[in-house]
Amino acid sequence: MSKQLAEVFSRAAQAHSDSPSELAAATESPQHLSLPDLLRLHGEASAAVLLLLMAVLSVMPMAGVGTLLSFVIFVIAWRWSSELDGSIVPERLGRVRLNAQWSRRCLRFLAWMYGLSDRLMKARWTWTSHSRTHASWRVWIALMGLLILLPLPLGNVLPSLSLMLLSLGWMFRDGLALLASALVGSGAVAFALLMGHVLVDGAQRALTWVSRWTGLDLSTLL
């Protein structure tokens, strides 16, 4: 499946680089891609595919849709391992489009990712996707969605990567990819905690400085 998807997205990326008319003829996709366009290229809208696209789009420059992306991730977490389709995507998010440059980059990245997955991933350690683990993965997906929602500098990169690995691991039933998802996500949690400590410490230092200059006791604010 991933080999076919790699070819689909590779052709779409090539047509996108050539001309809008060739893209439309080859992939029935417009020059400025939206989430429904990407789902249409996949040919299906399973939970794993939806989660993968949410993770990819969360690192794209799509101003004002971060909350919507996280909301969809939360819904996917709640209904993980059940049948899903594109109907859970809010209408506003479905109308958002990437510009031509980022549309091309997104297509190329998906083509590269599926090609690499086809070479490296396979069914192994399937106990990691056993039905008994579904509840744990739901919590994990929601946690990564929360980290993506937090306004931390580069704070969406590691959780998005974790969700990409989780999605691909689920598609291939590759336990190694699922464990890698847990490892990367643990790094995301550690990074968020570190940034939180840095921000609190910085705020305390700023209040101390202001207190010295104004003579006011502001220590109770934190």
N, C-alpha and C. Protein backbone atom coordinates (compact mmCIF):
# COMPACT_ATOMS: atom_id res chain seq x y z
N MET A 1 0.83 -1.21 0.00
CA MET A 1 0.00 0.00 0.00
C MET A 1 0.85 1.25 0.00
N SER A 2 1.90 1.28 0.86
CA SER A 2 2.72 2.48 0.96
C SER A 2 3.48 2.75 -0.32
N LYS A 3 3.87 1.67 -1.04
CA LYS A 3 4.57 1.87 -2.31
C LYS A 3 3.66 2.56 -3.31
N GLN A 4 2.40 2.15 -3.34
CA GLN A 4 1.44 2.79 -4.24
C GLN A 4 1.21 4.24 -3.85
N LEU A 5 1.09 4.49 -2.54
CA LEU A 5 0.91 5.86 -2.08
C LEU A 5 2.12 6.72 -2.40
N ALA A 6 3.32 6.15 -2.27
CA ALA A 6 4.53 6.89 -2.60
C ALA A 6 4.51 7.30 -4.07
N GLU A 7 4.06 6.41 -4.94
CA GLU A 7 3.99 6.72 -6.36
C GLU A 7 2.93 7.78 -6.64
N VAL A 8 1.79 7.68 -5.94
CA VAL A 8 0.72 8.66 -6.13
C VAL A 8 1.20 10.06 -5.75
N PHE A 9 1.82 10.18 -4.59
CA PHE A 9 2.25 11.50 -4.14
C PHE A 9 3.47 11.99 -4.92
N SER A 10 4.30 11.07 -5.38
CA SER A 10 5.43 11.47 -6.21
C SER A 10 4.94 12.06 -7.53
N ARG A 11 3.96 11.41 -8.14
CA ARG A 11 3.39 11.94 -9.39
C ARG A 11 2.71 13.28 -9.15
N ALA A 12 2.00 13.39 -8.03
CA ALA A 12 1.32 14.65 -7.72
C ALA A 12 2.32 15.77 -7.51
N ALA A 13 3.44 15.46 -6.81
CA ALA A 13 4.46 16.48 -6.56
C ALA A 13 5.11 16.91 -7.87
N GLN A 14 5.37 15.93 -8.77
CA GLN A 14 5.99 16.26 -10.05
C GLN A 14 5.05 17.10 -10.90
N ALA A 15 3.78 16.72 -10.94
CA ALA A 15 2.81 17.50 -11.71
C ALA A 15 2.65 18.89 -11.12
N HIS A 16 2.72 18.96 -9.80
CA HIS A 16 2.58 20.25 -9.11
C HIS A 16 3.74 21.17 -9.48
N SER A 17 4.93 20.59 -9.68
CA SER A 17 6.10 21.39 -10.05
C SER A 17 6.02 21.84 -11.49
N ASP A 18 5.34 21.03 -12.33
CA ASP A 18 5.30 21.35 -13.75
C ASP A 18 4.27 22.44 -14.06
N SER A 19 3.03 22.15 -13.78
CA SER A 19 1.98 23.14 -14.06
C SER A 19 0.69 22.74 -13.37
N PRO A 20 -0.14 23.71 -13.02
CA PRO A 20 -1.42 23.41 -12.38
C PRO A 20 -2.31 22.52 -13.24
N SER A 21 -2.28 22.71 -14.57
CA SER A 21 -3.14 21.92 -15.44
C SER A 21 -2.74 20.45 -15.43
N GLU A 22 -1.42 20.18 -15.41
CA GLU A 22 -0.97 18.80 -15.36
C GLU A 22 -1.32 18.17 -14.03
N LEU A 23 -1.24 18.95 -12.96
CA LEU A 23 -1.63 18.43 -11.64
C LEU A 23 -3.10 18.05 -11.63
N ALA A 24 -3.92 18.91 -12.16
CA ALA A 24 -5.35 18.63 -12.17
C ALA A 24 -5.67 17.40 -13.00
N ALA A 25 -4.96 17.25 -14.14
CA ALA A 25 -5.20 16.11 -15.00
C ALA A 25 -4.71 14.81 -14.39
N ALA A 26 -3.55 14.88 -13.70
CA ALA A 26 -2.93 13.66 -13.18
C ALA A 26 -3.51 13.23 -11.84
N THR A 27 -3.90 14.17 -11.01
CA THR A 27 -4.29 13.82 -9.64
C THR A 27 -5.66 14.35 -9.24
N GLU A 28 -6.31 15.12 -10.10
CA GLU A 28 -7.58 15.74 -9.76
C GLU A 28 -7.45 16.54 -8.46
N SER A 29 -6.32 17.21 -8.29
CA SER A 29 -6.08 18.00 -7.09
C SER A 29 -5.65 19.39 -7.49
N PRO A 30 -6.15 20.43 -6.82
CA PRO A 30 -5.83 21.81 -7.18
C PRO A 30 -4.41 22.18 -6.77
N GLN A 31 -3.97 23.35 -7.25
CA GLN A 31 -2.62 23.81 -6.96
C GLN A 31 -2.44 24.12 -5.48
N HIS A 32 -3.46 24.63 -4.82
CA HIS A 32 -3.40 24.94 -3.39
C HIS A 32 -4.16 23.86 -2.65
N LEU A 33 -3.42 22.96 -2.01
CA LEU A 33 -4.02 21.77 -1.42
C LEU A 33 -4.74 22.05 -0.11
N SER A 34 -5.80 21.30 0.13
CA SER A 34 -6.52 21.32 1.39
C SER A 34 -6.52 19.91 1.96
N LEU A 35 -7.02 19.76 3.17
CA LEU A 35 -7.08 18.44 3.79
C LEU A 35 -7.93 17.46 2.98
N PRO A 36 -9.12 17.86 2.50
CA PRO A 36 -9.89 16.93 1.66
C PRO A 36 -9.12 16.48 0.41
N ASP A 37 -8.31 17.37 -0.17
CA ASP A 37 -7.51 16.99 -1.33
C ASP A 37 -6.52 15.89 -0.97
N LEU A 38 -5.86 16.03 0.19
CA LEU A 38 -4.89 15.03 0.62
C LEU A 38 -5.57 13.71 0.95
N LEU A 39 -6.75 13.77 1.54
CA LEU A 39 -7.50 12.54 1.80
C LEU A 39 -7.89 11.85 0.50
N ARG A 40 -8.28 12.65 -0.49
CA ARG A 40 -8.68 12.08 -1.78
C ARG A 40 -7.50 11.37 -2.44
N LEU A 41 -6.30 11.92 -2.31
CA LEU A 41 -5.11 11.28 -2.87
C LEU A 41 -4.82 9.95 -2.18
N HIS A 42 -5.14 9.85 -0.89
CA HIS A 42 -4.94 8.59 -0.18
C HIS A 42 -5.94 7.53 -0.61
N GLY A 43 -7.11 7.97 -1.05
CA GLY A 43 -8.12 7.01 -1.47
C GLY A 43 -8.94 6.45 -0.33
N GLU A 44 -8.61 6.79 0.92
CA GLU A 44 -9.37 6.33 2.07
C GLU A 44 -9.16 7.32 3.22
N ALA A 45 -9.96 7.20 4.25
CA ALA A 45 -9.85 8.12 5.37
C ALA A 45 -9.91 7.35 6.68
N SER A 46 -9.00 6.39 6.84
CA SER A 46 -8.95 5.62 8.08
C SER A 46 -8.43 6.49 9.21
N ALA A 47 -8.55 6.00 10.44
CA ALA A 47 -8.08 6.75 11.60
C ALA A 47 -6.59 7.03 11.49
N ALA A 48 -5.81 6.03 11.05
CA ALA A 48 -4.36 6.20 10.94
C ALA A 48 -4.00 7.25 9.89
N VAL A 49 -4.70 7.25 8.76
CA VAL A 49 -4.44 8.24 7.71
C VAL A 49 -4.80 9.63 8.19
N LEU A 50 -5.96 9.78 8.84
CA LEU A 50 -6.36 11.08 9.37
C LEU A 50 -5.36 11.60 10.39
N LEU A 51 -4.92 10.72 11.28
CA LEU A 51 -3.95 11.14 12.30
C LEU A 51 -2.64 11.55 11.66
N LEU A 52 -2.21 10.80 10.65
CA LEU A 52 -0.97 11.14 9.96
C LEU A 52 -1.05 12.52 9.33
N LEU A 53 -2.15 12.81 8.67
CA LEU A 53 -2.30 14.12 8.02
C LEU A 53 -2.39 15.24 9.05
N MET A 54 -3.06 14.99 10.18
CA MET A 54 -3.10 16.01 11.23
C MET A 54 -1.69 16.32 11.73
N ALA A 55 -0.87 15.27 11.88
CA ALA A 55 0.49 15.46 12.36
C ALA A 55 1.33 16.23 11.35
N VAL A 56 1.17 15.89 10.07
CA VAL A 56 1.94 16.59 9.02
C VAL A 56 1.52 18.05 8.94
N LEU A 57 0.22 18.30 8.95
CA LEU A 57 -0.27 19.68 8.82
C LEU A 57 0.07 20.53 10.04
N SER A 58 0.26 19.90 11.19
CA SER A 58 0.54 20.67 12.41
C SER A 58 1.90 21.35 12.36
N VAL A 59 2.79 20.92 11.48
CA VAL A 59 4.10 21.58 11.35
C VAL A 59 4.15 22.47 10.11
N MET A 60 3.02 22.60 9.41
CA MET A 60 2.93 23.48 8.26
C MET A 60 2.51 24.88 8.72
N PRO A 61 2.87 25.92 7.96
CA PRO A 61 2.50 27.29 8.33
C PRO A 61 1.03 27.57 8.01
N MET A 62 0.14 27.08 8.87
CA MET A 62 -1.30 27.27 8.67
C MET A 62 -1.83 28.10 9.83
N ALA A 63 -1.70 29.39 9.74
CA ALA A 63 -2.05 30.29 10.85
C ALA A 63 -3.52 30.17 11.24
N GLY A 64 -3.73 30.08 12.55
CA GLY A 64 -5.09 30.11 13.06
C GLY A 64 -5.83 28.79 13.08
N VAL A 65 -5.17 27.69 12.69
CA VAL A 65 -5.86 26.40 12.67
C VAL A 65 -5.26 25.40 13.65
N GLY A 66 -4.30 25.84 14.46
CA GLY A 66 -3.66 24.93 15.41
C GLY A 66 -4.67 24.32 16.36
N THR A 67 -5.60 25.14 16.85
CA THR A 67 -6.61 24.63 17.77
C THR A 67 -7.51 23.60 17.09
N LEU A 68 -7.88 23.86 15.84
CA LEU A 68 -8.73 22.92 15.10
C LEU A 68 -8.01 21.60 14.87
N LEU A 69 -6.72 21.67 14.53
CA LEU A 69 -5.94 20.44 14.33
C LEU A 69 -5.90 19.62 15.62
N SER A 70 -5.67 20.29 16.73
CA SER A 70 -5.63 19.59 18.01
C SER A 70 -6.99 19.00 18.34
N PHE A 71 -8.06 19.72 18.02
CA PHE A 71 -9.41 19.22 18.28
C PHE A 71 -9.66 17.92 17.52
N VAL A 72 -9.26 17.89 16.25
CA VAL A 72 -9.44 16.67 15.46
C VAL A 72 -8.58 15.53 16.02
N ILE A 73 -7.38 15.86 16.48
CA ILE A 73 -6.52 14.84 17.09
C ILE A 73 -7.19 14.27 18.34
N PHE A 74 -7.82 15.12 19.14
CA PHE A 74 -8.53 14.65 20.33
C PHE A 74 -9.68 13.71 19.95
N VAL A 75 -10.40 14.06 18.89
CA VAL A 75 -11.51 13.21 18.43
C VAL A 75 -10.97 11.87 17.95
N ILE A 76 -9.86 11.89 17.21
CA ILE A 76 -9.25 10.65 16.73
C ILE A 76 -8.81 9.80 17.92
N ALA A 77 -8.25 10.45 18.95
CA ALA A 77 -7.82 9.72 20.14
C ALA A 77 -9.02 9.03 20.80
N TRP A 78 -10.13 9.74 20.91
CA TRP A 78 -11.32 9.19 21.55
C TRP A 78 -11.86 7.99 20.79
N ARG A 79 -11.75 8.04 19.45
CA ARG A 79 -12.33 6.99 18.61
C ARG A 79 -11.25 6.13 17.94
N TRP A 80 -10.08 6.11 18.51
CA TRP A 80 -8.97 5.35 17.92
C TRP A 80 -9.34 3.87 17.78
N SER A 81 -8.93 3.28 16.68
CA SER A 81 -9.17 1.87 16.32
C SER A 81 -10.59 1.62 15.85
N SER A 82 -11.43 2.66 15.81
CA SER A 82 -12.78 2.49 15.26
C SER A 82 -12.82 3.08 13.85
N GLU A 83 -13.92 2.87 13.17
CA GLU A 83 -14.05 3.37 11.80
C GLU A 83 -14.22 4.89 11.81
N LEU A 84 -13.39 5.57 11.03
CA LEU A 84 -13.46 7.02 10.91
C LEU A 84 -13.45 7.42 9.45
N ASP A 85 -13.96 8.58 9.17
CA ASP A 85 -13.86 9.14 7.82
C ASP A 85 -13.69 10.64 7.92
N GLY A 86 -13.63 11.28 6.79
CA GLY A 86 -13.36 12.71 6.75
C GLY A 86 -14.45 13.57 7.35
N SER A 87 -15.57 12.97 7.73
CA SER A 87 -16.68 13.76 8.28
C SER A 87 -16.36 14.37 9.64
N ILE A 88 -15.32 13.86 10.34
CA ILE A 88 -14.99 14.42 11.65
C ILE A 88 -14.18 15.71 11.52
N VAL A 89 -13.75 16.03 10.30
CA VAL A 89 -12.95 17.24 10.08
C VAL A 89 -13.87 18.46 10.06
N PRO A 90 -13.62 19.46 10.91
CA PRO A 90 -14.47 20.66 10.91
C PRO A 90 -14.46 21.34 9.54
N GLU A 91 -15.60 21.91 9.19
CA GLU A 91 -15.73 22.55 7.87
C GLU A 91 -14.70 23.65 7.67
N ARG A 92 -14.43 24.41 8.73
CA ARG A 92 -13.45 25.49 8.61
C ARG A 92 -12.07 24.96 8.26
N LEU A 93 -11.68 23.84 8.90
CA LEU A 93 -10.38 23.26 8.61
C LEU A 93 -10.34 22.70 7.20
N GLY A 94 -11.44 22.16 6.73
CA GLY A 94 -11.49 21.62 5.38
C GLY A 94 -11.34 22.69 4.31
N ARG A 95 -11.67 23.94 4.66
CA ARG A 95 -11.57 25.04 3.69
C ARG A 95 -10.17 25.65 3.63
N VAL A 96 -9.34 25.37 4.64
CA VAL A 96 -7.99 25.95 4.68
C VAL A 96 -7.11 25.30 3.62
N ARG A 97 -6.36 26.12 2.90
CA ARG A 97 -5.48 25.60 1.85
C ARG A 97 -4.05 26.05 2.07
N LEU A 98 -3.12 25.17 1.74
CA LEU A 98 -1.71 25.53 1.73
C LEU A 98 -1.40 26.32 0.47
N ASN A 99 -0.43 27.21 0.55
CA ASN A 99 -0.04 27.91 -0.67
C ASN A 99 0.70 26.94 -1.60
N ALA A 100 1.01 27.39 -2.81
CA ALA A 100 1.59 26.50 -3.81
C ALA A 100 2.92 25.89 -3.34
N GLN A 101 3.76 26.70 -2.70
CA GLN A 101 5.06 26.21 -2.27
C GLN A 101 4.92 25.13 -1.21
N TRP A 102 4.09 25.37 -0.20
CA TRP A 102 3.93 24.40 0.88
C TRP A 102 3.11 23.20 0.42
N SER A 103 2.25 23.37 -0.55
CA SER A 103 1.53 22.23 -1.13
C SER A 103 2.54 21.28 -1.79
N ARG A 104 3.47 21.86 -2.53
CA ARG A 104 4.49 21.04 -3.19
C ARG A 104 5.38 20.34 -2.17
N ARG A 105 5.77 21.06 -1.11
CA ARG A 105 6.61 20.46 -0.08
C ARG A 105 5.88 19.34 0.64
N CYS A 106 4.60 19.54 0.90
CA CYS A 106 3.80 18.51 1.58
C CYS A 106 3.71 17.25 0.72
N LEU A 107 3.46 17.41 -0.57
CA LEU A 107 3.38 16.26 -1.47
C LEU A 107 4.70 15.50 -1.52
N ARG A 108 5.80 16.25 -1.63
CA ARG A 108 7.12 15.61 -1.68
C ARG A 108 7.44 14.89 -0.38
N PHE A 109 7.08 15.51 0.74
CA PHE A 109 7.35 14.87 2.03
C PHE A 109 6.56 13.57 2.17
N LEU A 110 5.29 13.59 1.81
CA LEU A 110 4.47 12.39 1.91
C LEU A 110 4.98 11.30 0.97
N ALA A 111 5.42 11.68 -0.24
CA ALA A 111 5.98 10.69 -1.16
C ALA A 111 7.24 10.07 -0.58
N TRP A 112 8.12 10.92 -0.02
CA TRP A 112 9.35 10.42 0.60
C TRP A 112 9.05 9.53 1.79
N MET A 113 8.11 9.95 2.62
CA MET A 113 7.79 9.21 3.83
C MET A 113 7.21 7.83 3.52
N TYR A 114 6.29 7.76 2.56
CA TYR A 114 5.71 6.47 2.21
C TYR A 114 6.74 5.57 1.51
N GLY A 115 7.61 6.17 0.71
CA GLY A 115 8.66 5.37 0.08
C GLY A 115 9.61 4.78 1.10
N LEU A 116 10.01 5.59 2.08
CA LEU A 116 10.90 5.11 3.14
C LEU A 116 10.20 4.05 3.99
N SER A 117 8.94 4.26 4.28
CA SER A 117 8.20 3.30 5.09
C SER A 117 8.09 1.96 4.38
N ASP A 118 7.90 1.99 3.07
CA ASP A 118 7.79 0.74 2.32
C ASP A 118 9.08 -0.07 2.40
N ARG A 119 10.21 0.62 2.50
CA ARG A 119 11.50 -0.08 2.56
C ARG A 119 11.84 -0.55 3.97
N LEU A 120 11.43 0.19 4.98
CA LEU A 120 11.90 -0.08 6.33
C LEU A 120 10.89 -0.79 7.24
N MET A 121 9.61 -0.58 7.00
CA MET A 121 8.61 -1.08 7.93
C MET A 121 8.02 -2.40 7.50
N LYS A 122 7.67 -3.20 8.50
CA LYS A 122 7.04 -4.50 8.27
C LYS A 122 6.32 -4.92 9.54
N ALA A 123 5.47 -5.94 9.43
CA ALA A 123 4.74 -6.42 10.59
C ALA A 123 5.69 -7.13 11.56
N ARG A 124 5.79 -6.61 12.77
CA ARG A 124 6.63 -7.19 13.81
C ARG A 124 6.19 -6.64 15.17
N TRP A 125 6.46 -7.42 16.20
CA TRP A 125 6.09 -7.02 17.55
C TRP A 125 4.63 -6.54 17.58
N THR A 126 3.78 -7.35 16.98
CA THR A 126 2.38 -6.94 16.82
C THR A 126 1.64 -6.80 18.15
N TRP A 127 2.24 -7.27 19.24
CA TRP A 127 1.60 -7.11 20.55
C TRP A 127 1.43 -5.63 20.91
N THR A 128 2.25 -4.76 20.29
CA THR A 128 2.14 -3.33 20.60
C THR A 128 0.86 -2.71 20.06
N SER A 129 0.20 -3.38 19.10
CA SER A 129 -1.06 -2.87 18.57
C SER A 129 -2.22 -3.80 18.92
N HIS A 130 -2.02 -4.66 19.90
CA HIS A 130 -3.08 -5.55 20.36
C HIS A 130 -4.24 -4.72 20.92
N SER A 131 -5.42 -5.30 20.89
CA SER A 131 -6.60 -4.57 21.36
C SER A 131 -6.46 -4.10 22.81
N ARG A 132 -5.67 -4.82 23.61
CA ARG A 132 -5.49 -4.41 25.00
C ARG A 132 -4.67 -3.12 25.13
N THR A 133 -3.96 -2.75 24.08
CA THR A 133 -3.14 -1.54 24.13
C THR A 133 -3.88 -0.31 23.60
N HIS A 134 -5.08 -0.50 23.05
CA HIS A 134 -5.78 0.61 22.40
C HIS A 134 -6.04 1.77 23.34
N ALA A 135 -6.43 1.47 24.57
CA ALA A 135 -6.72 2.54 25.53
C ALA A 135 -5.47 3.37 25.81
N SER A 136 -4.32 2.69 25.93
CA SER A 136 -3.07 3.41 26.17
C SER A 136 -2.71 4.32 25.01
N TRP A 137 -2.92 3.83 23.79
CA TRP A 137 -2.61 4.65 22.62
C TRP A 137 -3.57 5.83 22.50
N ARG A 138 -4.81 5.65 22.93
CA ARG A 138 -5.75 6.78 22.93
C ARG A 138 -5.24 7.90 23.83
N VAL A 139 -4.79 7.52 25.02
CA VAL A 139 -4.26 8.52 25.95
C VAL A 139 -3.02 9.18 25.36
N TRP A 140 -2.18 8.38 24.71
CA TRP A 140 -0.95 8.91 24.13
C TRP A 140 -1.24 9.91 23.02
N ILE A 141 -2.19 9.58 22.15
CA ILE A 141 -2.55 10.48 21.06
C ILE A 141 -3.09 11.80 21.61
N ALA A 142 -3.94 11.71 22.63
CA ALA A 142 -4.50 12.93 23.24
C ALA A 142 -3.39 13.77 23.88
N LEU A 143 -2.42 13.11 24.51
CA LEU A 143 -1.31 13.84 25.13
C LEU A 143 -0.49 14.57 24.08
N MET A 144 -0.20 13.91 22.96
CA MET A 144 0.55 14.56 21.89
C MET A 144 -0.26 15.72 21.29
N GLY A 145 -1.57 15.55 21.19
CA GLY A 145 -2.43 16.64 20.71
C GLY A 145 -2.38 17.84 21.64
N LEU A 146 -2.33 17.57 22.94
CA LEU A 146 -2.24 18.66 23.92
C LEU A 146 -0.91 19.40 23.78
N LEU A 147 0.18 18.66 23.58
CA LEU A 147 1.49 19.30 23.42
C LEU A 147 1.53 20.15 22.16
N ILE A 148 0.87 19.68 21.09
CA ILE A 148 0.81 20.47 19.85
C ILE A 148 0.03 21.76 20.08
N LEU A 149 -0.98 21.68 20.94
CA LEU A 149 -1.82 22.86 21.21
C LEU A 149 -1.08 23.92 22.03
N LEU A 150 -0.16 23.49 22.89
CA LEU A 150 0.54 24.44 23.76
C LEU A 150 1.39 25.40 22.93
N PRO A 151 1.40 26.70 23.29
CA PRO A 151 2.17 27.69 22.53
C PRO A 151 3.65 27.72 22.92
N LEU A 152 4.35 26.62 22.63
CA LEU A 152 5.78 26.53 22.95
C LEU A 152 6.60 26.65 21.67
N PRO A 153 7.74 27.33 21.72
CA PRO A 153 8.60 27.44 20.54
C PRO A 153 9.04 26.06 20.04
N LEU A 154 8.70 25.74 18.80
CA LEU A 154 9.01 24.44 18.19
C LEU A 154 8.42 23.27 18.98
N GLY A 155 7.44 23.57 19.83
CA GLY A 155 6.87 22.53 20.67
C GLY A 155 5.99 21.54 19.93
N ASN A 156 5.66 21.82 18.66
CA ASN A 156 4.82 20.90 17.90
C ASN A 156 5.61 19.89 17.08
N VAL A 157 6.94 20.04 16.99
CA VAL A 157 7.73 19.20 16.10
C VAL A 157 7.81 17.75 16.61
N LEU A 158 8.26 17.57 17.84
CA LEU A 158 8.43 16.21 18.38
C LEU A 158 7.09 15.48 18.54
N PRO A 159 6.04 16.11 19.10
CA PRO A 159 4.77 15.38 19.17
C PRO A 159 4.20 15.04 17.80
N SER A 160 4.40 15.91 16.81
CA SER A 160 3.94 15.60 15.45
C SER A 160 4.69 14.41 14.89
N LEU A 161 6.01 14.37 15.11
CA LEU A 161 6.80 13.23 14.65
C LEU A 161 6.36 11.96 15.35
N SER A 162 6.06 12.05 16.63
CA SER A 162 5.57 10.89 17.37
C SER A 162 4.28 10.35 16.76
N LEU A 163 3.36 11.25 16.41
CA LEU A 163 2.09 10.83 15.82
C LEU A 163 2.28 10.26 14.42
N MET A 164 3.23 10.79 13.66
CA MET A 164 3.53 10.23 12.34
C MET A 164 4.01 8.78 12.47
N LEU A 165 4.94 8.55 13.39
CA LEU A 165 5.46 7.20 13.61
C LEU A 165 4.35 6.27 14.09
N LEU A 166 3.49 6.79 14.96
CA LEU A 166 2.38 5.97 15.46
C LEU A 166 1.45 5.57 14.31
N SER A 167 1.12 6.53 13.46
CA SER A 167 0.22 6.26 12.33
C SER A 167 0.81 5.22 11.38
N LEU A 168 2.07 5.42 11.02
CA LEU A 168 2.72 4.48 10.10
C LEU A 168 2.88 3.11 10.75
N GLY A 169 3.25 3.11 12.03
CA GLY A 169 3.38 1.84 12.74
C GLY A 169 2.06 1.09 12.79
N TRP A 170 0.96 1.83 12.93
CA TRP A 170 -0.36 1.20 12.97
C TRP A 170 -0.73 0.64 11.61
N MET A 171 -0.40 1.39 10.54
CA MET A 171 -0.71 0.91 9.19
C MET A 171 0.02 -0.39 8.88
N PHE A 172 1.29 -0.47 9.30
CA PHE A 172 2.12 -1.64 9.00
C PHE A 172 2.08 -2.69 10.10
N ARG A 173 1.42 -2.38 11.22
CA ARG A 173 1.50 -3.23 12.41
C ARG A 173 2.95 -3.45 12.80
N ASP A 174 3.73 -2.37 12.70
CA ASP A 174 5.15 -2.40 13.01
C ASP A 174 5.36 -1.91 14.45
N GLY A 175 5.62 -2.85 15.34
CA GLY A 175 5.80 -2.50 16.74
C GLY A 175 7.01 -1.65 17.00
N LEU A 176 8.04 -1.81 16.17
CA LEU A 176 9.24 -1.00 16.34
C LEU A 176 8.93 0.47 16.11
N ALA A 177 8.12 0.77 15.10
CA ALA A 177 7.73 2.16 14.84
C ALA A 177 6.86 2.70 15.97
N LEU A 178 6.00 1.85 16.54
CA LEU A 178 5.16 2.29 17.65
C LEU A 178 6.00 2.60 18.89
N LEU A 179 7.00 1.78 19.15
CA LEU A 179 7.88 2.05 20.29
C LEU A 179 8.72 3.30 20.04
N ALA A 180 9.12 3.50 18.77
CA ALA A 180 9.84 4.74 18.42
C ALA A 180 8.95 5.95 18.64
N SER A 181 7.65 5.79 18.35
CA SER A 181 6.69 6.87 18.61
C SER A 181 6.66 7.22 20.08
N ALA A 182 6.65 6.19 20.94
CA ALA A 182 6.63 6.41 22.38
C ALA A 182 7.91 7.10 22.85
N LEU A 183 9.05 6.71 22.25
CA LEU A 183 10.33 7.30 22.63
C LEU A 183 10.39 8.78 22.23
N VAL A 184 10.00 9.08 20.99
CA VAL A 184 10.01 10.47 20.52
C VAL A 184 9.02 11.31 21.33
N GLY A 185 7.85 10.74 21.60
CA GLY A 185 6.86 11.46 22.38
C GLY A 185 7.32 11.74 23.79
N SER A 186 8.08 10.81 24.37
CA SER A 186 8.64 11.04 25.71
C SER A 186 9.60 12.23 25.68
N GLY A 187 10.36 12.33 24.58
CA GLY A 187 11.22 13.49 24.41
C GLY A 187 10.42 14.78 24.29
N ALA A 188 9.24 14.69 23.65
CA ALA A 188 8.37 15.86 23.52
C ALA A 188 7.85 16.30 24.89
N VAL A 189 7.49 15.33 25.73
CA VAL A 189 7.01 15.65 27.07
C VAL A 189 8.14 16.30 27.88
N ALA A 190 9.35 15.73 27.78
CA ALA A 190 10.49 16.29 28.51
C ALA A 190 10.79 17.71 28.04
N PHE A 191 10.70 17.95 26.73
CA PHE A 191 10.95 19.28 26.18
C PHE A 191 9.91 20.28 26.69
N ALA A 192 8.64 19.86 26.74
CA ALA A 192 7.58 20.75 27.22
C ALA A 192 7.79 21.09 28.69
N LEU A 193 8.18 20.10 29.49
CA LEU A 193 8.44 20.36 30.91
C LEU A 193 9.62 21.31 31.09
N LEU A 194 10.66 21.10 30.27
CA LEU A 194 11.83 21.96 30.35
C LEU A 194 11.48 23.39 29.97
N MET A 195 10.73 23.54 28.87
CA MET A 195 10.34 24.88 28.44
C MET A 195 9.44 25.55 29.48
N GLY A 196 8.55 24.76 30.10
CA GLY A 196 7.71 25.31 31.15
C GLY A 196 8.53 25.81 32.32
N HIS A 197 9.57 25.04 32.70
CA HIS A 197 10.45 25.47 33.78
C HIS A 197 11.20 26.74 33.41
N VAL A 198 11.68 26.81 32.16
CA VAL A 198 12.41 27.99 31.70
C VAL A 198 11.51 29.22 31.71
N LEU A 199 10.26 29.06 31.25
CA LEU A 199 9.34 30.19 31.20
C LEU A 199 8.98 30.68 32.60
N VAL A 200 8.74 29.73 33.52
CA VAL A 200 8.41 30.13 34.89
C VAL A 200 9.60 30.82 35.55
N ASP A 201 10.79 30.26 35.33
CA ASP A 201 11.99 30.86 35.91
C ASP A 201 12.23 32.26 35.34
N GLY A 202 12.00 32.41 34.03
CA GLY A 202 12.16 33.72 33.41
C GLY A 202 11.16 34.73 33.95
N ALA A 203 9.92 34.27 34.16
CA ALA A 203 8.90 35.16 34.71
C ALA A 203 9.25 35.58 36.14
N GLN A 204 9.78 34.65 36.93
CA GLN A 204 10.17 34.98 38.30
C GLN A 204 11.31 36.00 38.32
N ARG A 205 12.26 35.83 37.43
CA ARG A 205 13.37 36.78 37.36
C ARG A 205 12.88 38.17 36.94
N ALA A 206 11.94 38.18 35.99
CA ALA A 206 11.40 39.47 35.53
C ALA A 206 10.64 40.18 36.66
N LEU A 207 9.86 39.41 37.43
CA LEU A 207 9.13 40.01 38.53
C LEU A 207 10.08 40.52 39.62
N THR A 208 11.15 39.76 39.85
CA THR A 208 12.13 40.21 40.84
C THR A 208 12.76 41.53 40.40
N TRP A 209 13.09 41.62 39.13
CA TRP A 209 13.69 42.85 38.60
C TRP A 209 12.72 44.02 38.72
N VAL A 210 11.45 43.79 38.38
CA VAL A 210 10.44 44.85 38.47
C VAL A 210 10.24 45.27 39.92
N SER A 211 10.27 44.27 40.83
CA SER A 211 10.08 44.57 42.26
C SER A 211 11.19 45.47 42.78
N ARG A 212 12.41 45.21 42.35
CA ARG A 212 13.53 46.03 42.80
C ARG A 212 13.39 47.47 42.33
N TRP A 213 12.88 47.65 41.12
CA TRP A 213 12.78 49.01 40.58
C TRP A 213 11.56 49.75 41.08
N THR A 214 10.50 49.05 41.40
CA THR A 214 9.28 49.72 41.82
C THR A 214 9.07 49.69 43.33
N GLY A 215 9.78 48.79 44.02
CA GLY A 215 9.60 48.66 45.45
C GLY A 215 8.35 47.91 45.83
N LEU A 216 7.66 47.31 44.84
CA LEU A 216 6.45 46.54 45.10
C LEU A 216 6.78 45.06 45.26
N ASP A 217 6.02 44.39 46.10
CA ASP A 217 6.19 42.94 46.28
C ASP A 217 5.29 42.22 45.28
N LEU A 218 5.91 41.71 44.21
CA LEU A 218 5.15 41.01 43.16
C LEU A 218 5.34 39.51 43.22
N SER A 219 5.99 39.01 44.25
CA SER A 219 6.30 37.58 44.33
C SER A 219 5.06 36.72 44.41
N THR A 220 3.96 37.26 44.89
CA THR A 220 2.73 36.46 45.05
C THR A 220 2.03 36.21 43.72
N LEU A 221 2.49 36.84 42.66
CA LEU A 221 1.83 36.64 41.34
C LEU A 221 2.14 35.29 40.75
N LEU A 222 3.23 34.64 41.17
CA LEU A 222 3.59 33.33 40.66
C LEU A 222 3.59 32.33 41.79
